[in-house]
Protein backbone atom coordinates (compact mmCIF):
# COMPACT_ATOMS: atom_id res chain seq x y z
CA UNK A 1 39.69 24.11 0.60
CA UNK A 2 41.45 21.36 2.56
CA UNK A 3 39.48 22.29 5.69
CA UNK A 4 36.31 21.73 3.66
CA UNK A 5 37.53 18.28 2.60
CA UNK A 6 38.95 17.24 5.99
CA UNK A 7 36.14 18.43 8.24
CA UNK A 8 33.04 18.25 6.05
CA UNK A 9 33.39 16.17 2.87
CA UNK A 10 35.30 13.24 4.37
CA UNK A 11 33.02 12.96 7.45
CA UNK A 12 30.07 13.07 5.04
CA UNK A 13 31.45 10.17 3.03
CA UNK A 14 32.12 8.18 6.22
CA UNK A 15 28.64 8.84 7.60
CA UNK A 16 27.09 8.18 4.19
CA UNK A 17 28.83 4.81 3.97
CA UNK A 18 27.22 3.78 7.26
CA UNK A 19 23.82 5.07 6.13
CA UNK A 20 24.19 3.15 2.87
CA UNK A 21 24.70 -0.19 4.64
CA UNK A 22 21.67 0.38 6.84
CA UNK A 23 19.60 1.65 3.93
CA UNK A 24 20.17 -1.50 1.87
CA UNK A 25 18.47 -3.62 4.53
CA UNK A 26 15.53 -1.22 4.84
CA UNK A 27 15.13 -1.07 1.06
CA UNK A 28 15.25 -4.85 0.59
CA UNK A 29 12.88 -5.56 3.49
CA UNK A 30 10.41 -2.95 2.25
CA UNK A 31 10.73 -4.08 -1.36
CA UNK A 32 10.38 -7.83 -0.75
CA UNK A 33 8.32 -8.12 2.44
CA UNK A 34 6.24 -4.98 1.78
CA UNK A 35 6.51 -3.38 5.21
CA UNK A 36 8.63 -0.76 6.93
CA UNK A 37 10.75 -2.47 9.57
CA UNK A 38 11.11 0.06 12.38
CA UNK A 39 13.18 -2.43 14.40
CA UNK A 40 16.01 -2.09 11.87
CA UNK A 41 17.78 0.54 13.98
CA UNK A 42 17.80 -1.74 17.01
CA UNK A 43 19.25 -4.47 14.79
CA UNK A 44 22.20 -2.15 14.16
CA UNK A 45 22.56 -1.60 17.89
CA UNK A 46 22.42 -5.34 18.57
CA UNK A 47 25.22 -5.95 16.08
CA UNK A 48 27.41 -3.35 17.80
CA UNK A 49 26.84 -4.95 21.21
CA UNK A 50 27.59 -8.42 19.83
CA UNK A 51 30.88 -7.03 18.49
CA UNK A 52 31.65 -5.43 21.87
CA UNK A 53 31.10 -8.76 23.66
CA UNK A 54 33.23 -10.67 21.15
CA UNK A 55 36.05 -8.13 21.56
CA UNK A 56 35.89 -8.55 25.34
CA UNK A 57 36.06 -12.34 24.98
CA UNK A 58 38.75 -12.58 22.32
CA UNK A 59 40.68 -9.32 22.39
CA UNK A 60 40.47 -9.17 18.59
CA UNK A 61 40.21 -6.07 16.45
CA UNK A 62 36.63 -4.85 15.75
CA UNK A 63 36.98 -5.64 12.03
CA UNK A 64 38.08 -9.20 12.90
CA UNK A 65 34.96 -9.83 14.99
CA UNK A 66 32.66 -8.07 12.49
CA UNK A 67 31.78 -11.25 10.48
CA UNK A 68 30.85 -13.10 13.67
CA UNK A 69 28.70 -10.18 14.88
CA UNK A 70 26.95 -10.18 11.50
CA UNK A 71 26.26 -13.92 11.74
CA UNK A 72 24.87 -13.66 15.28
CA UNK A 73 22.64 -10.73 14.31
CA UNK A 74 21.37 -12.60 11.24
CA UNK A 75 20.48 -15.63 13.39
CA UNK A 76 18.52 -13.40 15.79
CA UNK A 77 16.74 -11.74 12.85
CA UNK A 78 15.71 -15.13 11.44
CA UNK A 79 14.34 -16.15 14.84
CA UNK A 80 12.39 -12.90 15.17
CA UNK A 81 10.92 -13.33 11.70
CA UNK A 82 9.82 -16.90 12.39
CA UNK A 83 8.25 -16.15 15.78
CA UNK A 84 6.90 -12.62 15.44
CA UNK A 85 6.59 -11.60 11.78
CA UNK A 86 5.70 -14.77 9.89
CA UNK A 87 2.26 -15.17 11.57
CA UNK A 88 1.32 -11.68 10.29
CA UNK A 89 2.67 -12.10 6.76
CA UNK A 90 -0.74 -12.73 5.19
CA UNK A 91 -2.34 -9.89 7.17
CA UNK A 92 -2.47 -6.19 6.20
CA UNK A 93 0.96 -4.55 6.12
CA UNK A 94 0.04 -2.15 8.92
CA UNK A 95 -0.01 -5.09 11.35
CA UNK A 96 3.61 -5.91 10.48
CA UNK A 97 4.56 -2.26 10.90
CA UNK A 98 2.99 -2.16 14.38
CA UNK A 99 4.68 -5.48 15.22
CA UNK A 100 8.03 -3.98 14.20
CA UNK A 101 7.42 -1.05 16.57
CA UNK A 102 6.86 -3.52 19.39
CA UNK A 103 9.93 -5.49 18.37
CA UNK A 104 11.98 -2.30 18.36
CA UNK A 105 11.10 -1.68 22.02
CA UNK A 106 11.64 -5.33 22.95
CA UNK A 107 15.12 -5.48 21.42
CA UNK A 108 16.13 -2.19 23.02
CA UNK A 109 14.92 -3.35 26.43
CA UNK A 110 16.75 -6.68 26.03
CA UNK A 111 19.96 -4.82 25.14
CA UNK A 112 19.63 -2.49 28.14
CA UNK A 113 18.92 -5.43 30.45
CA UNK A 114 21.84 -7.50 29.12
CA UNK A 115 24.55 -4.85 28.67
CA UNK A 116 23.36 -1.87 30.72
CA UNK A 117 23.04 1.71 29.53
CA UNK A 118 26.60 2.94 30.01
CA UNK A 119 28.60 4.10 26.99
CA UNK A 120 31.12 1.57 25.69
CA UNK A 121 33.97 1.83 23.22
CA UNK A 122 35.18 -0.61 20.59
CA UNK A 123 38.44 1.25 19.90
CA UNK A 124 39.53 3.22 22.98
CA UNK A 125 42.24 5.82 22.71
CA UNK A 126 43.08 8.57 20.24
CA UNK A 127 44.50 7.69 16.85
CA UNK A 128 46.90 9.95 14.98
CA UNK A 129 45.57 10.71 11.50
CA UNK A 130 47.46 9.88 8.35
CA UNK A 131 48.57 12.96 6.42
CA UNK A 132 48.39 12.56 2.65
CA UNK A 133 49.62 15.08 0.08
CA UNK A 134 50.80 17.28 2.99
CA UNK A 135 47.23 18.44 3.71
CA UNK A 136 44.66 15.66 3.56
CA UNK A 137 44.09 14.17 7.02
CA UNK A 138 42.29 10.88 7.53
CA UNK A 139 42.10 8.75 10.65
CA UNK A 140 43.00 5.04 10.43
CA UNK A 141 39.56 4.11 11.76
CA UNK A 142 37.91 6.16 9.03
CA UNK A 143 39.93 4.30 6.40
CA UNK A 144 38.69 1.05 7.96
CA UNK A 145 35.09 2.26 7.85
CA UNK A 146 35.22 3.33 4.20
CA UNK A 147 37.13 0.21 3.13
CA UNK A 148 34.79 -2.16 4.99
CA UNK A 149 31.70 -0.41 3.61
CA UNK A 150 33.04 -0.64 0.05
CA UNK A 151 33.81 -4.35 0.45
CA UNK A 152 30.32 -5.06 1.82
CA UNK A 153 28.60 -3.05 -0.91
CA UNK A 154 30.66 -4.88 -3.54
CA UNK A 155 29.59 -8.18 -1.92
CA UNK A 156 25.93 -7.10 -2.19
CA UNK A 157 26.48 -6.30 -5.87
CA UNK A 158 28.00 -9.72 -6.52
CA UNK A 159 25.18 -11.42 -4.57
CA UNK A 160 22.42 -9.67 -6.51
CA UNK A 161 24.00 -9.89 -9.96
CA UNK A 162 25.89 -13.18 -9.98
CA UNK A 163 24.06 -15.62 -7.69
CA UNK A 164 20.81 -17.52 -8.08
CA UNK A 165 19.41 -16.37 -4.74
CA UNK A 166 20.28 -12.75 -5.59
CA UNK A 167 18.40 -12.93 -8.87
CA UNK A 168 15.46 -14.54 -7.07
CA UNK A 169 15.47 -11.67 -4.57
CA UNK A 170 15.37 -9.13 -7.39
CA UNK A 171 12.54 -11.03 -9.09
CA UNK A 172 10.50 -11.17 -5.89
CA UNK A 173 11.06 -7.46 -5.28
CA UNK A 174 9.63 -6.74 -8.74
CA UNK A 175 6.61 -9.07 -8.44
CA UNK A 176 6.09 -11.61 -5.62
CA UNK A 177 3.16 -13.24 -7.42
CA UNK A 178 5.07 -13.73 -10.67
CA UNK A 179 8.11 -15.01 -8.75
CA UNK A 180 5.91 -17.57 -7.00
CA UNK A 181 4.37 -18.69 -10.30
CA UNK A 182 7.80 -19.23 -11.85
CA UNK A 183 8.70 -21.67 -9.08
CA UNK A 184 10.89 -19.45 -6.89
CA UNK A 185 10.98 -20.58 -3.27
CA UNK A 186 9.65 -17.37 -1.74
CA UNK A 187 10.24 -18.50 1.85
CA UNK A 188 13.90 -19.07 1.05
CA UNK A 189 14.08 -15.60 -0.51
CA UNK A 190 12.50 -14.09 2.61
CA UNK A 191 15.04 -15.82 4.82
CA UNK A 192 17.87 -14.62 2.59
CA UNK A 193 16.48 -11.08 2.78
CA UNK A 194 16.54 -11.14 6.58
CA UNK A 195 20.08 -12.56 6.60
CA UNK A 196 21.43 -9.91 4.21
CA UNK A 197 19.51 -7.04 5.80
CA UNK A 198 20.42 -7.96 9.38
CA UNK A 199 24.06 -8.63 8.49
CA UNK A 200 24.44 -5.23 6.83
CA UNK A 201 22.60 -3.57 9.73
CA UNK A 202 25.06 -5.18 12.15
CA UNK A 203 27.95 -3.98 10.02
CA UNK A 204 26.53 -0.45 10.01
CA UNK A 205 26.21 -0.56 13.80
CA UNK A 206 29.77 -1.83 14.28
CA UNK A 207 31.24 0.76 11.91
CA UNK A 208 29.32 3.53 13.66
CA UNK A 209 30.58 2.24 17.01
CA UNK A 210 34.16 2.29 15.68
CA UNK A 211 33.68 5.93 14.71
CA UNK A 212 31.92 6.97 17.93
CA UNK A 213 30.90 4.60 20.74
CA UNK A 214 28.36 1.91 21.64
CA UNK A 215 25.15 3.01 23.32
CA UNK A 216 21.60 1.72 23.46
CA UNK A 217 20.02 4.50 21.36
CA UNK A 218 22.60 4.56 18.57
CA UNK A 219 20.48 2.59 16.10
CA UNK A 220 17.32 4.53 16.83
CA UNK A 221 19.16 7.77 16.06
CA UNK A 222 20.17 6.35 12.69
CA UNK A 223 16.68 5.16 11.79
CA UNK A 224 15.46 8.40 10.16
CA UNK A 225 18.57 8.96 7.97
CA UNK A 226 18.55 5.29 6.96
CA UNK A 227 14.88 5.47 5.92
CA UNK A 228 15.65 8.71 4.08
CA UNK A 229 18.48 6.95 2.22
CA UNK A 230 16.19 4.07 1.19
CA UNK A 231 13.42 6.42 0.03
CA UNK A 232 15.83 8.72 -1.79
CA UNK A 233 17.35 5.82 -3.71
CA UNK A 234 14.04 4.04 -4.33
CA UNK A 235 12.30 1.35 -2.30
CA UNK A 236 13.45 -2.12 -3.32
CA UNK A 237 16.57 -0.77 -5.07
CA UNK A 238 19.71 -1.71 -3.09
CA UNK A 239 21.93 0.30 -5.42
CA UNK A 240 19.65 3.26 -4.86
CA UNK A 241 20.05 2.84 -1.09
CA UNK A 242 23.83 2.94 -1.51
CA UNK A 243 23.63 6.19 -3.48
CA UNK A 244 20.96 7.60 -1.18
CA UNK A 245 23.03 6.88 1.92
CA UNK A 246 26.06 8.70 0.52
CA UNK A 247 23.93 11.67 -0.56
CA UNK A 248 22.22 11.95 2.83
CA UNK A 249 25.50 11.64 4.75
CA UNK A 250 27.31 14.22 2.64
CA UNK A 251 24.30 16.59 2.70
CA UNK A 252 24.12 16.41 6.50
CA UNK A 253 27.79 17.29 6.91
CA UNK A 254 27.82 20.00 4.24
CA UNK A 255 24.81 21.66 5.84
CA UNK A 256 27.06 22.80 8.70
CA UNK A 257 29.69 24.31 6.39
CA UNK A 258 30.08 28.09 6.34
CA UNK A 259 28.73 28.60 2.83
CA UNK A 260 27.78 32.22 3.57
CA UNK A 261 30.05 34.25 5.82
CA UNK A 262 31.94 32.66 8.70
CA UNK A 263 29.05 30.94 10.48
CA UNK A 264 27.73 27.42 9.72
CA UNK A 265 24.78 27.42 7.35
CA UNK A 266 22.94 25.22 9.89
CA UNK A 267 23.90 24.39 13.45
CA UNK A 268 25.20 20.78 13.75
CA UNK A 269 22.19 19.92 15.93
CA UNK A 270 19.92 20.31 12.90
CA UNK A 271 21.68 17.69 10.76
CA UNK A 272 18.87 15.14 11.29
CA UNK A 273 16.46 17.73 9.95
CA UNK A 274 18.39 17.76 6.68
CA UNK A 275 17.74 14.03 6.20
CA UNK A 276 14.06 14.53 7.02
CA UNK A 277 13.78 17.47 4.60
CA UNK A 278 15.38 15.48 1.77
CA UNK A 279 13.08 12.52 2.47
CA UNK A 280 9.93 14.67 2.43
CA UNK A 281 11.04 16.51 -0.71
CA UNK A 282 11.69 13.22 -2.50
CA UNK A 283 8.29 11.81 -1.46
CA UNK A 284 6.61 14.90 -2.91
CA UNK A 285 8.72 15.31 -6.04
CA UNK A 286 9.47 11.72 -7.01
CA UNK A 287 7.99 9.04 -4.72
CA UNK A 288 9.71 6.26 -6.68
CA UNK A 289 13.15 7.67 -5.77
CA UNK A 290 16.22 8.26 -7.89
CA UNK A 291 16.37 4.63 -9.06
CA UNK A 292 12.61 4.30 -9.70
CA UNK A 293 11.76 1.97 -6.84
CA UNK A 294 8.41 0.66 -5.68
CA UNK A 295 5.57 3.00 -4.71
CA UNK A 296 2.99 1.50 -2.32
């Protein structure tokens, strides 16, 4: 039982926390701006590389540089929106989707040109796990990941439920036309959406880098599970993306557990297929997602 918790359930929660942070940005961008941002994965990668550079300059802990990496990533996202996405905003959504594909390749190429393609580490060395209740093992970095993800998700909850801009974002996600008629500054809401989405994407990238390493394809590899999390929870529903991310992460890890006999139910290499299968099943069974999001 403890092997199940230590080697499958806990890694699923850790991975799901990272998916949840990335999924919130996808869900909000899709819900408010009405297009699928395929450059979101590269935004995660960019945040991780910003954190790596800040660590090299300051020698600080990755969690200490995380807020600054989030700010830098948000500034870049605002610049990209103003230069590349805003001119297409009144055009058909497919043009924005294609533009995001191009932006994905541009950001990846810029990262490879600036930092190279070699693997990098934010937290080198091996950490001894904490042992709780004489059996439960959890690494210090995993406690940091779960704690940071919970704090950020709580911050999103406070933003959406207690602040004026958060309520405006929810109103625009429900009906942009009605929000505009009621006097909401839609351009301000769009900017806030990019700031929140890019900041959380950067945080997801940094937390993933803490758990593994920094490399130029890390965000692209997360793109499918993050989209699956957003669709599972419901497009335009940040709380749904949180739940969807945890479900996808746990499902991926549990798929490699030996449920029947002594062999894994699925080989670890097929974990991404689990996310894809859940996403397709949800689109067929309930396109609005668990939290009844938007259907376009």
